[in-house]
Amino acid sequence: MQQFDVCRLRPATKGDRSPGLVVILQADLMDSLQTRVVAPLVGLDALPAIARMRPEFDVSGKRYRLVADRMSVLRSQDIGTVIGSLKHREWDIRRALDLVFVGV
């Protein structure tokens, strides 16, 4: 997993058929840690837009909203398959994080 990779979460239970998606926010230099700082990706109808803090992205042909204000730390073992990357949208993600941490 690398910074800005889009990953599926491992199912919490055997019956969990639609595990969520997250974006890895943590710098690659922290690879030796057993955790990753992530932000969820949700469907556009799941949460309202907040200018710059919840940018929208296309992933595998669907539109998602990054929810920077709900970032968290997950154990690496709870993160599943990498399905894409948002590295090409790094600036938008960094702007969302700046808004969360700095307010600008």
Foldseek 3Di string as FASTA:
>chain_A
DAAQFKFFFDDPDPPPPGTWIWGFHDHPVPVVDQKTKIWTWAAPVPDDDDPLQWDWDAFPNGITTTRNLPIDMDGNVRTDDGRGGPPVVVVSNVSNNCCNPPVD
